Amino acid sequence: MLKQFVSAAAVFGAAALVQGVAAGPAQALHADAPHSDFQILVVSPDPDEPTQMTLACPPELSEHPNAKTVCAQLDAAEGFIQGIPAADGMCTKEYAPVQVLVFGHWQGSNRTFNATYNNRCEAVLATGGALLDL
């Protein structure tokens, strides 16, 4: 799993560098409308189940199924995922660790979030109940 995550992180890291270089002129064109983008990667023990999703705010531009809720949560947390309050709920004690990597920009400022959880349910609840509910 670690090797899979490191490979995925390297690919996403390279994409982030390209995104950062390419985003400059585009942001200048749309300076009057703040726009935010995040790449979400969830890697689980099952090699066939890595989850990748793009979140964009405003939510009308996003492929994320819960974009409206997540964008509102991020707005309240100034774009910091660790600032989103955990959602209420219960998870099983199943140990099936997931590694979460989220990176991108919030209204022009770079943001990165990286965490490991005991299972996908814990990851969903710890990040507000909507971001990783894919």
N, C-alpha and C. Protein backbone atom coordinates (compact mmCIF):
# COMPACT_ATOMS: atom_id res chain seq x y z
N MET A 1 0.83 -1.19 0.00
CA MET A 1 0.00 0.00 0.00
C MET A 1 0.87 1.25 0.00
N LEU A 2 1.95 1.24 0.78
CA LEU A 2 2.82 2.41 0.85
C LEU A 2 3.41 2.71 -0.52
N LYS A 3 3.86 1.67 -1.22
CA LYS A 3 4.45 1.87 -2.55
C LYS A 3 3.40 2.48 -3.49
N GLN A 4 2.17 1.97 -3.41
CA GLN A 4 1.09 2.48 -4.25
C GLN A 4 0.83 3.96 -3.93
N PHE A 5 0.82 4.30 -2.63
CA PHE A 5 0.56 5.69 -2.24
C PHE A 5 1.69 6.60 -2.69
N VAL A 6 2.94 6.14 -2.51
CA VAL A 6 4.08 6.97 -2.90
C VAL A 6 4.05 7.22 -4.40
N SER A 7 3.73 6.20 -5.19
CA SER A 7 3.63 6.38 -6.64
C SER A 7 2.52 7.36 -6.98
N ALA A 8 1.38 7.20 -6.36
CA ALA A 8 0.26 8.10 -6.62
C ALA A 8 0.60 9.52 -6.18
N ALA A 9 1.26 9.65 -5.04
CA ALA A 9 1.62 10.98 -4.54
C ALA A 9 2.61 11.65 -5.49
N ALA A 10 3.53 10.88 -6.06
CA ALA A 10 4.49 11.45 -7.01
C ALA A 10 3.77 11.97 -8.25
N VAL A 11 2.82 11.20 -8.75
CA VAL A 11 2.04 11.63 -9.92
C VAL A 11 1.26 12.90 -9.58
N PHE A 12 0.58 12.90 -8.42
CA PHE A 12 -0.19 14.07 -8.02
C PHE A 12 0.72 15.26 -7.76
N GLY A 13 1.89 15.03 -7.21
CA GLY A 13 2.83 16.12 -6.96
C GLY A 13 3.26 16.78 -8.26
N ALA A 14 3.57 15.96 -9.26
CA ALA A 14 3.94 16.50 -10.56
C ALA A 14 2.77 17.27 -11.16
N ALA A 15 1.57 16.73 -11.01
CA ALA A 15 0.38 17.43 -11.52
C ALA A 15 0.19 18.76 -10.81
N ALA A 16 0.48 18.80 -9.52
CA ALA A 16 0.32 20.04 -8.76
C ALA A 16 1.29 21.10 -9.26
N LEU A 17 2.52 20.68 -9.60
CA LEU A 17 3.48 21.65 -10.11
C LEU A 17 3.01 22.21 -11.45
N VAL A 18 2.53 21.32 -12.31
CA VAL A 18 2.02 21.77 -13.60
C VAL A 18 0.82 22.68 -13.40
N GLN A 19 -0.09 22.28 -12.47
CA GLN A 19 -1.28 23.08 -12.20
C GLN A 19 -0.87 24.46 -11.69
N GLY A 20 0.12 24.52 -10.82
CA GLY A 20 0.57 25.79 -10.27
C GLY A 20 1.14 26.71 -11.33
N VAL A 21 1.87 26.14 -12.29
CA VAL A 21 2.44 26.94 -13.36
C VAL A 21 1.34 27.39 -14.31
N ALA A 22 0.42 26.49 -14.62
CA ALA A 22 -0.63 26.81 -15.58
C ALA A 22 -1.72 27.68 -14.99
N ALA A 23 -1.89 27.65 -13.67
CA ALA A 23 -3.01 28.36 -13.06
C ALA A 23 -2.80 29.87 -13.01
N GLY A 24 -1.56 30.33 -13.02
CA GLY A 24 -1.29 31.76 -12.89
C GLY A 24 -2.04 32.63 -13.89
N PRO A 25 -1.83 32.45 -15.20
CA PRO A 25 -2.51 33.30 -16.17
C PRO A 25 -4.03 33.13 -16.14
N ALA A 26 -4.51 31.92 -15.94
CA ALA A 26 -5.96 31.68 -15.91
C ALA A 26 -6.59 32.41 -14.74
N GLN A 27 -5.92 32.41 -13.60
CA GLN A 27 -6.46 33.11 -12.44
C GLN A 27 -6.52 34.61 -12.70
N ALA A 28 -5.55 35.13 -13.41
CA ALA A 28 -5.55 36.56 -13.70
C ALA A 28 -6.75 36.93 -14.55
N LEU A 29 -7.16 36.03 -15.45
CA LEU A 29 -8.31 36.29 -16.30
C LEU A 29 -9.61 36.32 -15.51
N HIS A 30 -9.68 35.58 -14.40
CA HIS A 30 -10.91 35.45 -13.62
C HIS A 30 -10.72 36.02 -12.21
N ALA A 31 -9.98 37.08 -12.09
CA ALA A 31 -9.66 37.64 -10.78
C ALA A 31 -10.91 38.13 -10.04
N ASP A 32 -11.97 38.47 -10.79
CA ASP A 32 -13.17 38.98 -10.14
C ASP A 32 -14.02 37.88 -9.52
N ALA A 33 -13.77 36.62 -9.86
CA ALA A 33 -14.55 35.51 -9.33
C ALA A 33 -13.60 34.49 -8.71
N PRO A 34 -13.49 34.45 -7.37
CA PRO A 34 -12.60 33.48 -6.73
C PRO A 34 -12.97 32.05 -7.15
N HIS A 35 -11.97 31.30 -7.46
CA HIS A 35 -12.18 29.92 -7.91
C HIS A 35 -11.16 29.05 -7.17
N SER A 36 -11.60 27.88 -6.76
CA SER A 36 -10.73 26.98 -6.01
C SER A 36 -10.83 25.59 -6.59
N ASP A 37 -9.72 24.87 -6.60
CA ASP A 37 -9.66 23.50 -7.12
C ASP A 37 -8.85 22.63 -6.18
N PHE A 38 -9.32 21.41 -5.99
CA PHE A 38 -8.59 20.43 -5.19
C PHE A 38 -8.61 19.09 -5.91
N GLN A 39 -7.49 18.39 -5.83
CA GLN A 39 -7.41 17.00 -6.27
C GLN A 39 -7.48 16.15 -5.02
N ILE A 40 -8.34 15.14 -5.03
CA ILE A 40 -8.55 14.27 -3.87
C ILE A 40 -8.12 12.87 -4.27
N LEU A 41 -7.28 12.26 -3.44
CA LEU A 41 -6.84 10.88 -3.66
C LEU A 41 -7.01 10.11 -2.36
N VAL A 42 -7.72 8.99 -2.43
CA VAL A 42 -7.90 8.10 -1.29
C VAL A 42 -7.37 6.73 -1.71
N VAL A 43 -6.36 6.25 -1.00
CA VAL A 43 -5.75 4.95 -1.31
C VAL A 43 -6.07 4.00 -0.17
N SER A 44 -6.65 2.85 -0.54
CA SER A 44 -7.02 1.83 0.45
C SER A 44 -6.18 0.58 0.23
N PRO A 45 -6.32 -0.42 1.14
CA PRO A 45 -5.54 -1.66 0.97
C PRO A 45 -5.88 -2.41 -0.32
N ASP A 46 -7.08 -2.21 -0.84
CA ASP A 46 -7.48 -2.87 -2.07
C ASP A 46 -6.91 -2.08 -3.25
N PRO A 47 -5.95 -2.67 -3.98
CA PRO A 47 -5.30 -1.93 -5.06
C PRO A 47 -6.25 -1.55 -6.19
N ASP A 48 -7.42 -2.18 -6.25
CA ASP A 48 -8.39 -1.86 -7.29
C ASP A 48 -9.31 -0.72 -6.90
N GLU A 49 -9.15 -0.17 -5.69
CA GLU A 49 -10.08 0.84 -5.22
C GLU A 49 -9.46 2.20 -4.87
N PRO A 50 -8.41 2.64 -5.55
CA PRO A 50 -8.00 4.01 -5.27
C PRO A 50 -9.07 4.95 -5.81
N THR A 51 -9.38 5.97 -5.06
CA THR A 51 -10.40 6.93 -5.48
C THR A 51 -9.73 8.25 -5.78
N GLN A 52 -10.06 8.79 -6.93
CA GLN A 52 -9.54 10.09 -7.33
C GLN A 52 -10.71 10.95 -7.76
N MET A 53 -10.71 12.20 -7.32
CA MET A 53 -11.83 13.09 -7.63
C MET A 53 -11.30 14.52 -7.66
N THR A 54 -11.92 15.34 -8.47
CA THR A 54 -11.61 16.76 -8.51
C THR A 54 -12.76 17.53 -7.87
N LEU A 55 -12.42 18.42 -6.98
CA LEU A 55 -13.41 19.30 -6.35
C LEU A 55 -13.12 20.71 -6.82
N ALA A 56 -14.15 21.39 -7.28
CA ALA A 56 -14.02 22.79 -7.67
C ALA A 56 -15.07 23.61 -6.93
N CYS A 57 -14.67 24.79 -6.53
CA CYS A 57 -15.60 25.74 -5.94
C CYS A 57 -15.47 27.02 -6.75
N PRO A 58 -16.55 27.53 -7.32
CA PRO A 58 -17.94 27.25 -7.01
C PRO A 58 -18.36 25.84 -7.47
N PRO A 59 -19.33 25.27 -6.72
CA PRO A 59 -19.71 23.88 -6.95
C PRO A 59 -20.29 23.58 -8.33
N GLU A 60 -20.78 24.57 -9.02
CA GLU A 60 -21.33 24.34 -10.35
C GLU A 60 -20.28 23.84 -11.33
N LEU A 61 -19.01 24.06 -11.00
CA LEU A 61 -17.90 23.67 -11.87
C LEU A 61 -17.28 22.33 -11.46
N SER A 62 -17.85 21.65 -10.47
CA SER A 62 -17.22 20.48 -9.87
C SER A 62 -17.85 19.17 -10.31
N GLU A 63 -17.01 18.12 -10.33
CA GLU A 63 -17.50 16.76 -10.56
C GLU A 63 -17.80 16.06 -9.23
N HIS A 64 -17.44 16.66 -8.13
CA HIS A 64 -17.63 16.06 -6.80
C HIS A 64 -19.12 15.97 -6.49
N PRO A 65 -19.60 14.81 -6.02
CA PRO A 65 -21.04 14.65 -5.77
C PRO A 65 -21.60 15.51 -4.64
N ASN A 66 -20.75 15.96 -3.73
CA ASN A 66 -21.19 16.77 -2.59
C ASN A 66 -20.54 18.16 -2.62
N ALA A 67 -20.28 18.66 -3.80
CA ALA A 67 -19.51 19.90 -3.95
C ALA A 67 -20.14 21.07 -3.20
N LYS A 68 -21.44 21.21 -3.25
CA LYS A 68 -22.08 22.35 -2.60
C LYS A 68 -21.79 22.35 -1.09
N THR A 69 -21.94 21.19 -0.45
CA THR A 69 -21.68 21.07 0.98
C THR A 69 -20.21 21.28 1.30
N VAL A 70 -19.33 20.63 0.54
CA VAL A 70 -17.89 20.72 0.80
C VAL A 70 -17.39 22.15 0.59
N CYS A 71 -17.85 22.81 -0.45
CA CYS A 71 -17.42 24.20 -0.68
C CYS A 71 -17.87 25.10 0.46
N ALA A 72 -19.07 24.88 0.99
CA ALA A 72 -19.53 25.67 2.15
C ALA A 72 -18.68 25.37 3.38
N GLN A 73 -18.32 24.09 3.59
CA GLN A 73 -17.47 23.73 4.72
C GLN A 73 -16.09 24.37 4.57
N LEU A 74 -15.53 24.31 3.38
CA LEU A 74 -14.22 24.92 3.14
C LEU A 74 -14.27 26.43 3.28
N ASP A 75 -15.35 27.03 2.87
CA ASP A 75 -15.50 28.48 3.03
C ASP A 75 -15.45 28.86 4.50
N ALA A 76 -16.15 28.09 5.34
CA ALA A 76 -16.15 28.36 6.79
C ALA A 76 -14.78 28.10 7.41
N ALA A 77 -13.99 27.18 6.81
CA ALA A 77 -12.67 26.83 7.34
C ALA A 77 -11.54 27.54 6.59
N GLU A 78 -11.87 28.56 5.81
CA GLU A 78 -10.90 29.33 5.03
C GLU A 78 -10.04 28.43 4.13
N GLY A 79 -10.64 27.37 3.62
CA GLY A 79 -9.95 26.48 2.69
C GLY A 79 -9.07 25.43 3.31
N PHE A 80 -9.05 25.35 4.64
CA PHE A 80 -8.22 24.35 5.32
C PHE A 80 -9.08 23.14 5.68
N ILE A 81 -8.77 21.99 5.11
CA ILE A 81 -9.55 20.78 5.38
C ILE A 81 -9.49 20.42 6.85
N GLN A 82 -8.33 20.60 7.47
CA GLN A 82 -8.21 20.28 8.90
C GLN A 82 -9.07 21.20 9.76
N GLY A 83 -9.57 22.28 9.19
CA GLY A 83 -10.45 23.19 9.91
C GLY A 83 -11.92 22.83 9.82
N ILE A 84 -12.25 21.82 9.02
CA ILE A 84 -13.64 21.38 8.90
C ILE A 84 -13.97 20.51 10.12
N PRO A 85 -15.03 20.83 10.86
CA PRO A 85 -15.39 20.01 12.03
C PRO A 85 -15.78 18.59 11.62
N ALA A 86 -15.43 17.63 12.45
CA ALA A 86 -15.80 16.24 12.19
C ALA A 86 -17.32 16.09 12.23
N ALA A 87 -17.82 15.18 11.41
CA ALA A 87 -19.26 14.89 11.39
C ALA A 87 -19.58 13.86 12.47
N ASP A 88 -20.80 13.90 12.97
CA ASP A 88 -21.25 12.89 13.93
C ASP A 88 -21.55 11.59 13.19
N GLY A 89 -21.31 10.50 13.86
CA GLY A 89 -21.60 9.20 13.26
C GLY A 89 -20.79 8.11 13.95
N MET A 90 -21.11 6.90 13.59
CA MET A 90 -20.41 5.75 14.17
C MET A 90 -19.83 4.90 13.04
N CYS A 91 -18.64 4.37 13.29
CA CYS A 91 -17.97 3.48 12.34
C CYS A 91 -17.67 2.16 13.02
N THR A 92 -17.51 1.11 12.23
CA THR A 92 -17.09 -0.17 12.77
C THR A 92 -15.63 -0.07 13.18
N LYS A 93 -15.16 -1.05 13.90
CA LYS A 93 -13.76 -1.08 14.33
C LYS A 93 -12.87 -1.76 13.29
N GLU A 94 -13.39 -1.96 12.10
CA GLU A 94 -12.65 -2.61 11.02
C GLU A 94 -11.34 -1.85 10.78
N TYR A 95 -10.25 -2.60 10.67
CA TYR A 95 -8.96 -1.99 10.36
C TYR A 95 -8.65 -2.22 8.89
N ALA A 96 -8.90 -1.22 8.10
CA ALA A 96 -8.61 -1.23 6.67
C ALA A 96 -8.12 0.18 6.34
N PRO A 97 -6.86 0.49 6.70
CA PRO A 97 -6.38 1.87 6.63
C PRO A 97 -6.48 2.49 5.25
N VAL A 98 -6.80 3.77 5.25
CA VAL A 98 -6.83 4.54 4.02
C VAL A 98 -5.92 5.75 4.19
N GLN A 99 -5.22 6.07 3.14
CA GLN A 99 -4.36 7.25 3.09
C GLN A 99 -5.08 8.29 2.25
N VAL A 100 -5.17 9.50 2.75
CA VAL A 100 -5.87 10.58 2.06
C VAL A 100 -4.87 11.69 1.72
N LEU A 101 -4.89 12.11 0.47
CA LEU A 101 -4.08 13.23 0.03
C LEU A 101 -4.99 14.18 -0.74
N VAL A 102 -5.05 15.42 -0.30
CA VAL A 102 -5.83 16.45 -0.98
C VAL A 102 -4.90 17.65 -1.18
N PHE A 103 -4.82 18.12 -2.41
CA PHE A 103 -3.99 19.29 -2.66
C PHE A 103 -4.64 20.15 -3.73
N GLY A 104 -4.30 21.40 -3.71
CA GLY A 104 -4.82 22.33 -4.70
C GLY A 104 -4.68 23.75 -4.21
N HIS A 105 -5.66 24.57 -4.55
CA HIS A 105 -5.60 25.96 -4.11
C HIS A 105 -6.99 26.44 -3.71
N TRP A 106 -6.98 27.30 -2.71
CA TRP A 106 -8.20 27.93 -2.21
C TRP A 106 -8.07 29.43 -2.44
N GLN A 107 -8.83 29.95 -3.37
CA GLN A 107 -8.84 31.37 -3.70
C GLN A 107 -7.43 31.93 -3.85
N GLY A 108 -6.60 31.17 -4.58
CA GLY A 108 -5.25 31.64 -4.89
C GLY A 108 -4.16 31.18 -3.94
N SER A 109 -4.50 30.60 -2.79
CA SER A 109 -3.49 30.11 -1.84
C SER A 109 -3.41 28.59 -1.90
N ASN A 110 -2.19 28.07 -1.94
CA ASN A 110 -2.00 26.62 -1.99
C ASN A 110 -2.46 25.97 -0.69
N ARG A 111 -3.05 24.80 -0.81
CA ARG A 111 -3.49 24.02 0.35
C ARG A 111 -3.12 22.56 0.12
N THR A 112 -2.68 21.89 1.20
CA THR A 112 -2.35 20.47 1.15
C THR A 112 -2.86 19.82 2.42
N PHE A 113 -3.42 18.63 2.28
CA PHE A 113 -3.90 17.86 3.43
C PHE A 113 -3.50 16.41 3.19
N ASN A 114 -2.91 15.79 4.23
CA ASN A 114 -2.47 14.41 4.14
C ASN A 114 -2.75 13.75 5.48
N ALA A 115 -3.47 12.63 5.47
CA ALA A 115 -3.80 11.94 6.72
C ALA A 115 -4.05 10.46 6.45
N THR A 116 -3.89 9.67 7.50
CA THR A 116 -4.19 8.24 7.45
C THR A 116 -5.27 7.95 8.49
N TYR A 117 -6.25 7.15 8.10
CA TYR A 117 -7.36 6.78 8.99
C TYR A 117 -7.47 5.27 9.05
N ASN A 118 -8.08 4.76 10.12
CA ASN A 118 -8.22 3.30 10.30
C ASN A 118 -9.11 2.65 9.25
N ASN A 119 -10.08 3.40 8.70
CA ASN A 119 -10.92 2.89 7.63
C ASN A 119 -11.59 4.06 6.92
N ARG A 120 -12.25 3.77 5.82
CA ARG A 120 -12.86 4.82 5.01
C ARG A 120 -13.94 5.57 5.78
N CYS A 121 -14.73 4.87 6.58
CA CYS A 121 -15.79 5.51 7.37
C CYS A 121 -15.20 6.57 8.30
N GLU A 122 -14.12 6.24 8.99
CA GLU A 122 -13.48 7.20 9.88
C GLU A 122 -12.96 8.41 9.10
N ALA A 123 -12.44 8.16 7.90
CA ALA A 123 -11.94 9.26 7.06
C ALA A 123 -13.08 10.20 6.68
N VAL A 124 -14.21 9.63 6.30
CA VAL A 124 -15.36 10.45 5.89
C VAL A 124 -15.83 11.32 7.06
N LEU A 125 -16.01 10.72 8.23
CA LEU A 125 -16.50 11.48 9.38
C LEU A 125 -15.49 12.53 9.85
N ALA A 126 -14.21 12.18 9.86
CA ALA A 126 -13.18 13.10 10.35
C ALA A 126 -13.05 14.34 9.47
N THR A 127 -13.43 14.23 8.21
CA THR A 127 -13.30 15.36 7.28
C THR A 127 -14.65 16.02 7.00
N GLY A 128 -15.59 15.90 7.93
CA GLY A 128 -16.84 16.63 7.81
C GLY A 128 -18.01 15.89 7.20
N GLY A 129 -17.82 14.67 6.77
CA GLY A 129 -18.92 13.85 6.27
C GLY A 129 -19.24 13.99 4.80
N ALA A 130 -18.64 14.94 4.09
CA ALA A 130 -18.99 15.15 2.68
C ALA A 130 -17.78 15.07 1.74
N LEU A 131 -16.64 15.58 2.17
CA LEU A 131 -15.46 15.64 1.29
C LEU A 131 -15.08 14.27 0.74
N LEU A 132 -15.01 13.27 1.60
CA LEU A 132 -14.56 11.93 1.18
C LEU A 132 -15.71 10.95 1.00
N ASP A 133 -16.94 11.45 1.03
CA ASP A 133 -18.11 10.60 0.79
C ASP A 133 -18.33 10.53 -0.72
N LEU A 134 -17.51 9.71 -1.35
CA LEU A 134 -17.50 9.64 -2.82
C LEU A 134 -18.15 8.37 -3.33
